[in-house]
């Protein structure tokens, strides 16, 4: 799934597919599932004025945004790092962008497979 946002006057497309967890692990050596859970908790807490988002998690968010943008448009996102990519923007709000990334991630986690009913019970196998 893809979504396009306007960030600092520029159109930026983000994409999440089954490849994202692997790309994230290869690029950053971290588990995107765990990072997304921690980031979602921090954003929720910050939106309820329970403290700021920790700098470490801001970096996690920036890495996710960069990776999903590069995944969507590798021909347009030629920056070699999240820092280089972020330098292209004057402003970059986690509160504007994270909901889109979280939505893409949630849609990506849903499965289209359906389980088949078991046909009788197996004993001892």
PDB file of N, CA and C in Angstrom:
ATOM      1  N   UNK A   1       0.841  -1.174   0.000  1.00  0.00           N
ATOM      2  CA  UNK A   1       0.000   0.000   0.000  1.00  0.00           C
ATOM      3  C   UNK A   1       0.889   1.240   0.000  1.00  0.00           C
ATOM      4  N   UNK A   2       0.427   2.268  -0.658  1.00  0.00           N
ATOM      5  CA  UNK A   2       1.161   3.530  -0.746  1.00  0.00           C
ATOM      6  C   UNK A   2       0.275   4.700  -0.321  1.00  0.00           C
ATOM      7  N   UNK A   3       0.904   5.725   0.218  1.00  0.00           N
ATOM      8  CA  UNK A   3       0.240   6.987   0.554  1.00  0.00           C
ATOM      9  C   UNK A   3       1.199   8.106   0.216  1.00  0.00           C
ATOM     10  N   UNK A   4       0.652   9.209  -0.303  1.00  0.00           N
ATOM     11  CA  UNK A   4       1.460  10.379  -0.632  1.00  0.00           C
ATOM     12  C   UNK A   4       1.045  11.540   0.256  1.00  0.00           C
ATOM     13  N   UNK A   5       2.018  12.208   0.847  1.00  0.00           N
ATOM     14  CA  UNK A   5       1.816  13.383   1.693  1.00  0.00           C
ATOM     15  C   UNK A   5       2.579  14.552   1.102  1.00  0.00           C
ATOM     16  N   UNK A   6       2.145  15.757   1.447  1.00  0.00           N
ATOM     17  CA  UNK A   6       2.920  16.940   1.119  1.00  0.00           C
ATOM     18  C   UNK A   6       3.677  17.341   2.375  1.00  0.00           C
ATOM     19  N   UNK A   7       4.992  17.322   2.282  1.00  0.00           N
ATOM     20  CA  UNK A   7       5.855  17.666   3.408  1.00  0.00           C
ATOM     21  C   UNK A   7       6.734  18.822   2.967  1.00  0.00           C
ATOM     22  N   UNK A   8       6.602  19.936   3.666  1.00  0.00           N
ATOM     23  CA  UNK A   8       7.393  21.119   3.347  1.00  0.00           C
ATOM     24  C   UNK A   8       7.280  21.480   1.864  1.00  0.00           C
ATOM     25  N   UNK A   9       6.053  21.368   1.314  1.00  0.00           N
ATOM     26  CA  UNK A   9       5.804  21.730  -0.074  1.00  0.00           C
ATOM     27  C   UNK A   9       6.196  20.688  -1.105  1.00  0.00           C
ATOM     28  N   UNK A  10       6.630  19.526  -0.671  1.00  0.00           N
ATOM     29  CA  UNK A  10       7.056  18.465  -1.591  1.00  0.00           C
ATOM     30  C   UNK A  10       6.169  17.243  -1.427  1.00  0.00           C
ATOM     31  N   UNK A  11       5.836  16.580  -2.522  1.00  0.00           N
ATOM     32  CA  UNK A  11       5.088  15.322  -2.459  1.00  0.00           C
ATOM     33  C   UNK A  11       6.043  14.203  -2.102  1.00  0.00           C
ATOM     34  N   UNK A  12       5.688  13.456  -1.062  1.00  0.00           N
ATOM     35  CA  UNK A  12       6.504  12.320  -0.628  1.00  0.00           C
ATOM     36  C   UNK A  12       5.586  11.110  -0.518  1.00  0.00           C
ATOM     37  N   UNK A  13       5.948  10.036  -1.198  1.00  0.00           N
ATOM     38  CA  UNK A  13       5.166   8.806  -1.163  1.00  0.00           C
ATOM     39  C   UNK A  13       5.846   7.813  -0.238  1.00  0.00           C
ATOM     40  N   UNK A  14       5.032   7.169   0.589  1.00  0.00           N
ATOM     41  CA  UNK A  14       5.507   6.133   1.506  1.00  0.00           C
ATOM     42  C   UNK A  14       4.850   4.819   1.103  1.00  0.00           C
ATOM     43  N   UNK A  15       5.596   3.717   1.246  1.00  0.00           N
ATOM     44  CA  UNK A  15       5.085   2.410   0.847  1.00  0.00           C
ATOM     45  C   UNK A  15       5.490   1.367   1.876  1.00  0.00           C
ATOM     46  N   UNK A  16       4.539   0.486   2.212  1.00  0.00           N
ATOM     47  CA  UNK A  16       4.830  -0.631   3.101  1.00  0.00           C
ATOM     48  C   UNK A  16       4.418  -1.920   2.404  1.00  0.00           C
ATOM     49  N   UNK A  17       5.326  -2.855   2.337  1.00  0.00           N
ATOM     50  CA  UNK A  17       5.054  -4.187   1.789  1.00  0.00           C
ATOM     51  C   UNK A  17       5.676  -5.216   2.723  1.00  0.00           C
ATOM     52  N   UNK A  18       5.555  -6.461   2.365  1.00  0.00           N
ATOM     53  CA  UNK A  18       6.135  -7.536   3.167  1.00  0.00           C
ATOM     54  C   UNK A  18       7.666  -7.442   3.222  1.00  0.00           C
ATOM     55  N   UNK A  19       8.264  -6.683   2.323  1.00  0.00           N
ATOM     56  CA  UNK A  19       9.726  -6.541   2.308  1.00  0.00           C
ATOM     57  C   UNK A  19      10.239  -5.586   3.392  1.00  0.00           C
ATOM     58  N   UNK A  20       9.388  -4.709   3.901  1.00  0.00           N
ATOM     59  CA  UNK A  20       9.839  -3.689   4.848  1.00  0.00           C
ATOM     60  C   UNK A  20      10.512  -4.270   6.099  1.00  0.00           C
ATOM     61  N   UNK A  21       9.951  -5.287   6.769  1.00  0.00           N
ATOM     62  CA  UNK A  21      10.651  -5.804   7.955  1.00  0.00           C
ATOM     63  C   UNK A  21      12.068  -6.294   7.652  1.00  0.00           C
ATOM     64  N   UNK A  22      12.224  -6.957   6.528  1.00  0.00           N
ATOM     65  CA  UNK A  22      13.551  -7.448   6.131  1.00  0.00           C
ATOM     66  C   UNK A  22      14.493  -6.293   5.806  1.00  0.00           C
ATOM     67  N   UNK A  23      14.013  -5.330   5.027  1.00  0.00           N
ATOM     68  CA  UNK A  23      14.839  -4.170   4.679  1.00  0.00           C
ATOM     69  C   UNK A  23      15.241  -3.392   5.931  1.00  0.00           C
ATOM     70  N   UNK A  24      14.314  -3.224   6.841  1.00  0.00           N
ATOM     71  CA  UNK A  24      14.569  -2.496   8.085  1.00  0.00           C
ATOM     72  C   UNK A  24      15.626  -3.223   8.931  1.00  0.00           C
ATOM     73  N   UNK A  25      15.466  -4.540   9.046  1.00  0.00           N
ATOM     74  CA  UNK A  25      16.423  -5.346   9.817  1.00  0.00           C
ATOM     75  C   UNK A  25      17.812  -5.297   9.178  1.00  0.00           C
ATOM     76  N   UNK A  26      17.871  -5.381   7.849  1.00  0.00           N
ATOM     77  CA  UNK A  26      19.162  -5.347   7.154  1.00  0.00           C
ATOM     78  C   UNK A  26      19.813  -3.970   7.273  1.00  0.00           C
ATOM     79  N   UNK A  27      19.007  -2.921   7.173  1.00  0.00           N
ATOM     80  CA  UNK A  27      19.523  -1.547   7.190  1.00  0.00           C
ATOM     81  C   UNK A  27      19.931  -1.092   8.595  1.00  0.00           C
ATOM     82  N   UNK A  28      19.091  -1.419   9.588  1.00  0.00           N
ATOM     83  CA  UNK A  28      19.300  -0.853  10.923  1.00  0.00           C
ATOM     84  C   UNK A  28      19.598  -1.882  12.008  1.00  0.00           C
ATOM     85  N   UNK A  29      19.477  -3.162  11.695  1.00  0.00           N
ATOM     86  CA  UNK A  29      19.780  -4.202  12.684  1.00  0.00           C
ATOM     87  C   UNK A  29      18.777  -4.245  13.832  1.00  0.00           C
ATOM     88  N   UNK A  30      17.558  -3.751  13.566  1.00  0.00           N
ATOM     89  CA  UNK A  30      16.532  -3.741  14.607  1.00  0.00           C
ATOM     90  C   UNK A  30      15.262  -4.408  14.077  1.00  0.00           C
ATOM     91  N   UNK A  31      14.369  -4.746  15.001  1.00  0.00           N
ATOM     92  CA  UNK A  31      13.099  -5.371  14.680  1.00  0.00           C
ATOM     93  C   UNK A  31      12.039  -4.279  14.534  1.00  0.00           C
ATOM     94  N   UNK A  32      11.494  -4.114  13.335  1.00  0.00           N
ATOM     95  CA  UNK A  32      10.515  -3.058  13.094  1.00  0.00           C
ATOM     96  C   UNK A  32       9.236  -3.278  13.905  1.00  0.00           C
ATOM     97  N   UNK A  33       8.887  -4.519  14.161  1.00  0.00           N
ATOM     98  CA  UNK A  33       7.685  -4.803  14.951  1.00  0.00           C
ATOM     99  C   UNK A  33       7.810  -4.199  16.347  1.00  0.00           C
ATOM    100  N   UNK A  34       8.930  -4.481  16.981  1.00  0.00           N
ATOM    101  CA  UNK A  34       9.169  -3.950  18.327  1.00  0.00           C
ATOM    102  C   UNK A  34       9.301  -2.430  18.298  1.00  0.00           C
ATOM    103  N   UNK A  35      10.034  -1.912  17.338  1.00  0.00           N
ATOM    104  CA  UNK A  35      10.216  -0.458  17.239  1.00  0.00           C
ATOM    105  C   UNK A  35       8.885   0.255  16.988  1.00  0.00           C
ATOM    106  N   UNK A  36       8.039  -0.320  16.131  1.00  0.00           N
ATOM    107  CA  UNK A  36       6.749   0.298  15.843  1.00  0.00           C
ATOM    108  C   UNK A  36       5.873   0.321  17.100  1.00  0.00           C
ATOM    109  N   UNK A  37       5.917  -0.759  17.866  1.00  0.00           N
ATOM    110  CA  UNK A  37       5.131  -0.821  19.099  1.00  0.00           C
ATOM    111  C   UNK A  37       5.598   0.252  20.096  1.00  0.00           C
ATOM    112  N   UNK A  38       6.899   0.373  20.287  1.00  0.00           N
ATOM    113  CA  UNK A  38       7.451   1.385  21.202  1.00  0.00           C
ATOM    114  C   UNK A  38       7.144   2.798  20.710  1.00  0.00           C
ATOM    115  N   UNK A  39       7.275   3.019  19.428  1.00  0.00           N
ATOM    116  CA  UNK A  39       7.021   4.340  18.861  1.00  0.00           C
ATOM    117  C   UNK A  39       5.547   4.709  18.991  1.00  0.00           C
ATOM    118  N   UNK A  40       4.657   3.761  18.719  1.00  0.00           N
ATOM    119  CA  UNK A  40       3.218   4.030  18.850  1.00  0.00           C
ATOM    120  C   UNK A  40       2.880   4.411  20.294  1.00  0.00           C
ATOM    121  N   UNK A  41       3.450   3.705  21.257  1.00  0.00           N
ATOM    122  CA  UNK A  41       3.216   4.022  22.677  1.00  0.00           C
ATOM    123  C   UNK A  41       3.720   5.420  23.021  1.00  0.00           C
ATOM    124  N   UNK A  42       4.882   5.773  22.518  1.00  0.00           N
ATOM    125  CA  UNK A  42       5.459   7.093  22.800  1.00  0.00           C
ATOM    126  C   UNK A  42       4.636   8.212  22.169  1.00  0.00           C
ATOM    127  N   UNK A  43       4.175   8.002  20.943  1.00  0.00           N
ATOM    128  CA  UNK A  43       3.356   9.012  20.264  1.00  0.00           C
ATOM    129  C   UNK A  43       2.023   9.162  20.997  1.00  0.00           C
ATOM    130  N   UNK A  44       1.429   8.047  21.404  1.00  0.00           N
ATOM    131  CA  UNK A  44       0.170   8.098  22.152  1.00  0.00           C
ATOM    132  C   UNK A  44       0.352   8.865  23.463  1.00  0.00           C
ATOM    133  N   UNK A  45       1.429   8.573  24.181  1.00  0.00           N
ATOM    134  CA  UNK A  45       1.693   9.254  25.454  1.00  0.00           C
ATOM    135  C   UNK A  45       1.926  10.748  25.231  1.00  0.00           C
ATOM    136  N   UNK A  46       2.673  11.088  24.212  1.00  0.00           N
ATOM    137  CA  UNK A  46       2.960  12.501  23.930  1.00  0.00           C
ATOM    138  C   UNK A  46       1.690  13.245  23.532  1.00  0.00           C
ATOM    139  N   UNK A  47       0.804  12.577  22.811  1.00  0.00           N
ATOM    140  CA  UNK A  47      -0.434  13.240  22.393  1.00  0.00           C
ATOM    141  C   UNK A  47      -1.382  13.455  23.575  1.00  0.00           C
ATOM    142  N   UNK A  48      -1.167  12.708  24.643  1.00  0.00           N
ATOM    143  CA  UNK A  48      -1.945  12.896  25.872  1.00  0.00           C
ATOM    144  C   UNK A  48      -1.157  13.700  26.907  1.00  0.00           C
ATOM    145  N   UNK A  49      -0.128  14.395  26.418  1.00  0.00           N
ATOM    146  CA  UNK A  49       0.711  15.276  27.242  1.00  0.00           C
ATOM    147  C   UNK A  49       1.332  14.567  28.441  1.00  0.00           C
ATOM    148  N   UNK A  50       1.789  13.345  28.205  1.00  0.00           N
ATOM    149  CA  UNK A  50       2.461  12.577  29.257  1.00  0.00           C
ATOM    150  C   UNK A  50       3.968  12.561  29.057  1.00  0.00           C
ATOM    151  N   UNK A  51       4.488  13.570  28.397  1.00  0.00           N
ATOM    152  CA  UNK A  51       5.922  13.676  28.186  1.00  0.00           C
ATOM    153  C   UNK A  51       6.280  13.676  26.717  1.00  0.00           C
ATOM    154  N   UNK A  52       7.487  14.143  26.415  1.00  0.00           N
ATOM    155  CA  UNK A  52       7.934  14.198  25.015  1.00  0.00           C
ATOM    156  C   UNK A  52       8.328  12.812  24.495  1.00  0.00           C
ATOM    157  N   UNK A  53       8.402  12.711  23.187  1.00  0.00           N
ATOM    158  CA  UNK A  53       8.883  11.477  22.560  1.00  0.00           C
ATOM    159  C   UNK A  53      10.386  11.414  22.759  1.00  0.00           C
ATOM    160  N   UNK A  54      10.915  10.305  23.294  1.00  0.00           N
ATOM    161  CA  UNK A  54      12.358  10.205  23.514  1.00  0.00           C
ATOM    162  C   UNK A  54      13.146  10.337  22.208  1.00  0.00           C
ATOM    163  N   UNK A  55      14.301  11.006  22.264  1.00  0.00           N
ATOM    164  CA  UNK A  55      15.118  11.195  21.053  1.00  0.00           C
ATOM    165  C   UNK A  55      15.427   9.900  20.309  1.00  0.00           C
ATOM    166  N   UNK A  56      15.664   8.810  21.039  1.00  0.00           N
ATOM    167  CA  UNK A  56      15.956   7.523  20.386  1.00  0.00           C
ATOM    168  C   UNK A  56      14.794   7.121  19.484  1.00  0.00           C
ATOM    169  N   UNK A  57      13.563   7.318  19.962  1.00  0.00           N
ATOM    170  CA  UNK A  57      12.398   6.932  19.175  1.00  0.00           C
ATOM    171  C   UNK A  57      12.129   7.903  18.036  1.00  0.00           C
ATOM    172  N   UNK A  58      12.533   9.153  18.180  1.00  0.00           N
ATOM    173  CA  UNK A  58      12.449  10.076  17.046  1.00  0.00           C
ATOM    174  C   UNK A  58      13.348   9.585  15.923  1.00  0.00           C
ATOM    175  N   UNK A  59      14.528   9.091  16.277  1.00  0.00           N
ATOM    176  CA  UNK A  59      15.445   8.514  15.285  1.00  0.00           C
ATOM    177  C   UNK A  59      14.853   7.279  14.624  1.00  0.00           C
ATOM    178  N   UNK A  60      14.171   6.446  15.410  1.00  0.00           N
ATOM    179  CA  UNK A  60      13.494   5.263  14.865  1.00  0.00           C
ATOM    180  C   UNK A  60      12.440   5.688  13.849  1.00  0.00           C
ATOM    181  N   UNK A  61      11.643   6.701  14.205  1.00  0.00           N
ATOM    182  CA  UNK A  61      10.623   7.221  13.291  1.00  0.00           C
ATOM    183  C   UNK A  61      11.255   7.727  11.993  1.00  0.00           C
ATOM    184  N   UNK A  62      12.313   8.493  12.103  1.00  0.00           N
ATOM    185  CA  UNK A  62      12.975   9.043  10.917  1.00  0.00           C
ATOM    186  C   UNK A  62      13.517   7.935  10.024  1.00  0.00           C
ATOM    187  N   UNK A  63      14.066   6.878  10.648  1.00  0.00           N
ATOM    188  CA  UNK A  63      14.556   5.729   9.875  1.00  0.00           C
ATOM    189  C   UNK A  63      13.416   5.042   9.132  1.00  0.00           C
ATOM    190  N   UNK A  64      12.279   4.848   9.817  1.00  0.00           N
ATOM    191  CA  UNK A  64      11.124   4.206   9.183  1.00  0.00           C
ATOM    192  C   UNK A  64      10.600   5.047   8.015  1.00  0.00           C
ATOM    193  N   UNK A  65      10.469   6.351   8.239  1.00  0.00           N
ATOM    194  CA  UNK A  65       9.957   7.234   7.203  1.00  0.00           C
ATOM    195  C   UNK A  65      10.864   7.200   5.973  1.00  0.00           C
ATOM    196  N   UNK A  66      12.162   7.301   6.196  1.00  0.00           N
ATOM    197  CA  UNK A  66      13.131   7.270   5.097  1.00  0.00           C
ATOM    198  C   UNK A  66      13.041   5.951   4.328  1.00  0.00           C
ATOM    199  N   UNK A  67      13.013   4.838   5.047  1.00  0.00           N
ATOM    200  CA  UNK A  67      12.983   3.529   4.410  1.00  0.00           C
ATOM    201  C   UNK A  67      11.703   3.342   3.588  1.00  0.00           C
ATOM    202  N   UNK A  68      10.562   3.763   4.143  1.00  0.00           N
ATOM    203  CA  UNK A  68       9.299   3.613   3.423  1.00  0.00           C
ATOM    204  C   UNK A  68       9.208   4.559   2.219  1.00  0.00           C
ATOM    205  N   UNK A  69       9.821   5.723   2.313  1.00  0.00           N
ATOM    206  CA  UNK A  69       9.864   6.641   1.168  1.00  0.00           C
ATOM    207  C   UNK A  69      10.794   6.091   0.083  1.00  0.00           C
ATOM    208  N   UNK A  70      11.936   5.588   0.494  1.00  0.00           N
ATOM    209  CA  UNK A  70      12.885   5.007  -0.468  1.00  0.00           C
ATOM    210  C   UNK A  70      12.286   3.770  -1.130  1.00  0.00           C
ATOM    211  N   UNK A  71      11.529   2.991  -0.360  1.00  0.00           N
ATOM    212  CA  UNK A  71      10.887   1.783  -0.883  1.00  0.00           C
ATOM    213  C   UNK A  71       9.826   2.144  -1.925  1.00  0.00           C
ATOM    214  N   UNK A  72       9.126   3.256  -1.704  1.00  0.00           N
ATOM    215  CA  UNK A  72       8.076   3.688  -2.629  1.00  0.00           C
ATOM    216  C   UNK A  72       8.642   4.236  -3.927  1.00  0.00           C
ATOM    217  N   UNK A  73       9.695   5.034  -3.823  1.00  0.00           N
ATOM    218  CA  UNK A  73      10.238   5.722  -5.005  1.00  0.00           C
ATOM    219  C   UNK A  73      11.767   5.686  -4.994  1.00  0.00           C
ATOM    220  N   UNK A  74      12.360   4.507  -5.230  1.00  0.00           N
ATOM    221  CA  UNK A  74      13.826   4.426  -5.187  1.00  0.00           C
ATOM    222  C   UNK A  74      14.516   5.315  -6.209  1.00  0.00           C
ATOM    223  N   UNK A  75      13.829   5.614  -7.309  1.00  0.00           N
ATOM    224  CA  UNK A  75      14.415   6.489  -8.327  1.00  0.00           C
ATOM    225  C   UNK A  75      14.411   7.954  -7.894  1.00  0.00           C
ATOM    226  N   UNK A  76      13.530   8.330  -6.970  1.00  0.00           N
ATOM    227  CA  UNK A  76      13.449   9.709  -6.495  1.00  0.00           C
ATOM    228  C   UNK A  76      14.166   9.918  -5.171  1.00  0.00           C
ATOM    229  N   UNK A  77      14.176   8.908  -4.318  1.00  0.00           N
ATOM    230  CA  UNK A  77      14.853   9.021  -3.019  1.00  0.00           C
ATOM    231  C   UNK A  77      16.236   8.407  -3.179  1.00  0.00           C
ATOM    232  N   UNK A  78      17.183   9.258  -3.533  1.00  0.00           N
ATOM    233  CA  UNK A  78      18.537   8.780  -3.805  1.00  0.00           C
ATOM    234  C   UNK A  78      19.489   9.038  -2.642  1.00  0.00           C
ATOM    235  N   UNK A  79      18.975   9.645  -1.569  1.00  0.00           N
ATOM    236  CA  UNK A  79      19.816   9.899  -0.393  1.00  0.00           C
ATOM    237  C   UNK A  79      20.319   8.571   0.158  1.00  0.00           C
ATOM    238  N   UNK A  80      21.547   8.569   0.641  1.00  0.00           N
ATOM    239  CA  UNK A  80      22.171   7.348   1.155  1.00  0.00           C
ATOM    240  C   UNK A  80      21.882   7.097   2.631  1.00  0.00           C
ATOM    241  N   UNK A  81      21.242   8.056   3.309  1.00  0.00           N
ATOM    242  CA  UNK A  81      20.930   7.891   4.731  1.00  0.00           C
ATOM    243  C   UNK A  81      19.697   8.708   5.075  1.00  0.00           C
ATOM    244  N   UNK A  82      19.102   8.398   6.226  1.00  0.00           N
ATOM    245  CA  UNK A  82      17.953   9.173   6.699  1.00  0.00           C
ATOM    246  C   UNK A  82      18.354  10.626   6.912  1.00  0.00           C
ATOM    247  N   UNK A  83      19.547  10.863   7.427  1.00  0.00           N
ATOM    248  CA  UNK A  83      20.007  12.232   7.669  1.00  0.00           C
ATOM    249  C   UNK A  83      20.091  13.027   6.374  1.00  0.00           C
ATOM    250  N   UNK A  84      20.661  12.421   5.354  1.00  0.00           N
ATOM    251  CA  UNK A  84      20.783  13.086   4.055  1.00  0.00           C
ATOM    252  C   UNK A  84      19.395  13.363   3.466  1.00  0.00           C
ATOM    253  N   UNK A  85      18.488  12.421   3.622  1.00  0.00           N
ATOM    254  CA  UNK A  85      17.127  12.593   3.113  1.00  0.00           C
ATOM    255  C   UNK A  85      16.401  13.709   3.871  1.00  0.00           C
ATOM    256  N   UNK A  86      16.522  13.728   5.198  1.00  0.00           N
ATOM    257  CA  UNK A  86      15.857  14.740   6.019  1.00  0.00           C
ATOM    258  C   UNK A  86      16.379  16.147   5.719  1.00  0.00           C
ATOM    259  N   UNK A  87      17.626  16.255   5.290  1.00  0.00           N
ATOM    260  CA  UNK A  87      18.206  17.558   4.945  1.00  0.00           C
ATOM    261  C   UNK A  87      17.453  18.256   3.806  1.00  0.00           C
ATOM    262  N   UNK A  88      16.647  17.516   3.071  1.00  0.00           N
ATOM    263  CA  UNK A  88      15.886  18.086   1.964  1.00  0.00           C
ATOM    264  C   UNK A  88      14.662  18.879   2.431  1.00  0.00           C
ATOM    265  N   UNK A  89      14.315  18.746   3.703  1.00  0.00           N
ATOM    266  CA  UNK A  89      13.105  19.372   4.232  1.00  0.00           C
ATOM    267  C   UNK A  89      13.450  20.423   5.273  1.00  0.00           C
ATOM    268  N   UNK A  90      12.647  21.494   5.294  1.00  0.00           N
ATOM    269  CA  UNK A  90      12.795  22.503   6.336  1.00  0.00           C
ATOM    270  C   UNK A  90      12.076  22.072   7.603  1.00  0.00           C
ATOM    271  N   UNK A  91      10.908  21.431   7.418  1.00  0.00           N
ATOM    272  CA  UNK A  91      10.131  20.922   8.544  1.00  0.00           C
ATOM    273  C   UNK A  91       9.751  19.481   8.258  1.00  0.00           C
ATOM    274  N   UNK A  92       9.588  18.709   9.320  1.00  0.00           N
ATOM    275  CA  UNK A  92       9.269  17.290   9.196  1.00  0.00           C
ATOM    276  C   UNK A  92       8.601  16.875  10.499  1.00  0.00           C
ATOM    277  N   UNK A  93       7.280  16.928  10.558  1.00  0.00           N
ATOM    278  CA  UNK A  93       6.542  16.696  11.795  1.00  0.00           C
ATOM    279  C   UNK A  93       6.163  15.234  11.983  1.00  0.00           C
ATOM    280  N   UNK A  94       6.581  14.671  13.093  1.00  0.00           N
ATOM    281  CA  UNK A  94       6.199  13.298  13.419  1.00  0.00           C
ATOM    282  C   UNK A  94       4.689  13.182  13.546  1.00  0.00           C
ATOM    283  N   UNK A  95       4.038  14.226  14.022  1.00  0.00           N
ATOM    284  CA  UNK A  95       2.593  14.178  14.224  1.00  0.00           C
ATOM    285  C   UNK A  95       1.813  14.199  12.912  1.00  0.00           C
ATOM    286  N   UNK A  96       2.416  14.694  11.844  1.00  0.00           N
ATOM    287  CA  UNK A  96       1.789  14.678  10.532  1.00  0.00           C
ATOM    288  C   UNK A  96       2.068  13.360   9.819  1.00  0.00           C
ATOM    289  N   UNK A  97       3.249  12.838   9.967  1.00  0.00           N
ATOM    290  CA  UNK A  97       3.701  11.712   9.164  1.00  0.00           C
ATOM    291  C   UNK A  97       3.495  10.357   9.836  1.00  0.00           C
ATOM    292  N   UNK A  98       3.684  10.286  11.155  1.00  0.00           N
ATOM    293  CA  UNK A  98       3.573   8.989  11.830  1.00  0.00           C
ATOM    294  C   UNK A  98       2.216   8.330  11.626  1.00  0.00           C
ATOM    295  N   UNK A  99       1.089   9.058  11.700  1.00  0.00           N
ATOM    296  CA  UNK A  99      -0.193   8.369  11.478  1.00  0.00           C
ATOM    297  C   UNK A  99      -0.272   7.665  10.119  1.00  0.00           C
ATOM    298  N   UNK A 100       0.342   8.231   9.104  1.00  0.00           N
ATOM    299  CA  UNK A 100       0.340   7.608   7.772  1.00  0.00           C
ATOM    300  C   UNK A 100       1.207   6.350   7.784  1.00  0.00           C
ATOM    301  N   UNK A 101       2.378   6.451   8.387  1.00  0.00           N
ATOM    302  CA  UNK A 101       3.269   5.288   8.474  1.00  0.00           C
ATOM    303  C   UNK A 101       2.616   4.178   9.296  1.00  0.00           C
ATOM    304  N   UNK A 102       1.986   4.540  10.401  1.00  0.00           N
ATOM    305  CA  UNK A 102       1.312   3.549  11.246  1.00  0.00           C
ATOM    306  C   UNK A 102       0.167   2.883  10.483  1.00  0.00           C
ATOM    307  N   UNK A 103      -0.595   3.679   9.713  1.00  0.00           N
ATOM    308  CA  UNK A 103      -1.689   3.118   8.927  1.00  0.00           C
ATOM    309  C   UNK A 103      -1.161   2.152   7.866  1.00  0.00           C
ATOM    310  N   UNK A 104      -0.126   2.549   7.162  1.00  0.00           N
ATOM    311  CA  UNK A 104       0.476   1.663   6.162  1.00  0.00           C
ATOM    312  C   UNK A 104       0.946   0.374   6.805  1.00  0.00           C
ATOM    313  N   UNK A 105       1.562   0.493   7.965  1.00  0.00           N
ATOM    314  CA  UNK A 105       2.072  -0.673   8.674  1.00  0.00           C
ATOM    315  C   UNK A 105       0.935  -1.595   9.090  1.00  0.00           C
ATOM    316  N   UNK A 106      -0.157  -1.038   9.610  1.00  0.00           N
ATOM    317  CA  UNK A 106      -1.295  -1.856  10.042  1.00  0.00           C
ATOM    318  C   UNK A 106      -1.933  -2.583   8.866  1.00  0.00           C
ATOM    319  N   UNK A 107      -2.096  -1.906   7.742  1.00  0.00           N
ATOM    320  CA  UNK A 107      -2.666  -2.541   6.552  1.00  0.00           C
ATOM    321  C   UNK A 107      -1.746  -3.665   6.089  1.00  0.00           C
ATOM    322  N   UNK A 108      -0.447  -3.446   6.177  1.00  0.00           N
ATOM    323  CA  UNK A 108       0.527  -4.440   5.758  1.00  0.00           C
ATOM    324  C   UNK A 108       0.472  -5.682   6.652  1.00  0.00           C
ATOM    325  N   UNK A 109       0.118  -5.516   7.915  1.00  0.00           N
ATOM    326  CA  UNK A 109       0.075  -6.645   8.841  1.00  0.00           C
ATOM    327  C   UNK A 109      -1.149  -7.520   8.645  1.00  0.00           C
ATOM    328  N   UNK A 110      -2.204  -6.967   8.084  1.00  0.00           N
ATOM    329  CA  UNK A 110      -3.419  -7.754   7.878  1.00  0.00           C
ATOM    330  C   UNK A 110      -3.160  -8.832   6.844  1.00  0.00           C
ATOM    331  N   UNK A 111      -3.746  -9.956   7.069  1.00  0.00           N
ATOM    332  CA  UNK A 111      -3.563 -11.063   6.144  1.00  0.00           C
ATOM    333  C   UNK A 111      -4.804 -11.249   5.284  1.00  0.00           C
ATOM    334  N   UNK A 112      -4.611 -11.708   4.101  1.00  0.00           N
ATOM    335  CA  UNK A 112      -5.739 -12.004   3.230  1.00  0.00           C
ATOM    336  C   UNK A 112      -6.016 -13.498   3.195  1.00  0.00           C
ATOM    337  N   UNK A 113      -5.191 -14.281   3.872  1.00  0.00           N
ATOM    338  CA  UNK A 113      -5.382 -15.722   3.900  1.00  0.00           C
ATOM    339  C   UNK A 113      -6.490 -16.079   4.878  1.00  0.00           C
ATOM    340  N   UNK A 114      -7.204 -17.138   4.570  1.00  0.00           N
ATOM    341  CA  UNK A 114      -8.213 -17.636   5.489  1.00  0.00           C
ATOM    342  C   UNK A 114      -7.829 -19.042   5.898  1.00  0.00           C
ATOM    343  N   UNK A 115      -8.082 -19.345   7.143  1.00  0.00           N
ATOM    344  CA  UNK A 115      -7.770 -20.679   7.642  1.00  0.00           C
ATOM    345  C   UNK A 115      -8.841 -21.659   7.202  1.00  0.00           C
ATOM    346  N   UNK A 116      -8.399 -22.851   6.857  1.00  0.00           N
ATOM    347  CA  UNK A 116      -9.355 -23.896   6.510  1.00  0.00           C
ATOM    348  C   UNK A 116      -9.736 -24.632   7.788  1.00  0.00           C
ATOM    349  N   UNK A 117     -10.991 -25.032   7.893  1.00  0.00           N
ATOM    350  CA  UNK A 117     -11.442 -25.796   9.045  1.00  0.00           C
ATOM    351  C   UNK A 117     -10.779 -27.159   9.023  1.00  0.00           C
ATOM    352  N   UNK A 118     -10.422 -27.618  10.230  1.00  0.00           N
ATOM    353  CA  UNK A 118      -9.867 -28.968  10.312  1.00  0.00           C
ATOM    354  C   UNK A 118     -10.979 -29.960  10.032  1.00  0.00           C
ATOM    355  N   UNK A 119     -10.649 -31.018   9.331  1.00  0.00           N
ATOM    356  CA  UNK A 119     -11.622 -32.052   8.992  1.00  0.00           C
ATOM    357  C   UNK A 119     -11.417 -33.234   9.901  1.00  0.00           C
ATOM    358  N   UNK A 120     -11.952 -33.148  11.075  1.00  0.00           N
ATOM    359  CA  UNK A 120     -11.786 -34.243  12.029  1.00  0.00           C
ATOM    360  C   UNK A 120     -10.531 -34.072  12.838  1.00  0.00           C
ATOM    361  N   UNK A 121     -10.446 -34.772  13.898  1.00  0.00           N
ATOM    362  CA  UNK A 121      -9.292 -34.666  14.790  1.00  0.00           C
ATOM    363  C   UNK A 121      -8.296 -35.778  14.518  1.00  0.00           C
ATOM    364  N   UNK A 122      -7.055 -35.422  14.644  1.00  0.00           N
ATOM    365  CA  UNK A 122      -5.993 -36.420  14.537  1.00  0.00           C
ATOM    366  C   UNK A 122      -5.594 -36.836  15.932  1.00  0.00           C
ATOM    367  N   UNK A 123      -5.294 -38.066  16.112  1.00  0.00           N
ATOM    368  CA  UNK A 123      -4.910 -38.523  17.441  1.00  0.00           C
ATOM    369  C   UNK A 123      -3.431 -38.871  17.454  1.00  0.00           C
ATOM    370  N   UNK A 124      -2.730 -38.222  18.386  1.00  0.00           N
ATOM    371  CA  UNK A 124      -1.330 -38.554  18.633  1.00  0.00           C
ATOM    372  C   UNK A 124      -0.362 -38.271  17.503  1.00  0.00           C
ATOM    373  N   UNK A 125      -0.701 -37.496  16.537  1.00  0.00           N
ATOM    374  CA  UNK A 125       0.233 -37.216  15.457  1.00  0.00           C
ATOM    375  C   UNK A 125       0.731 -35.827  15.504  1.00  0.00           C
TER     376      UNK A 125
END
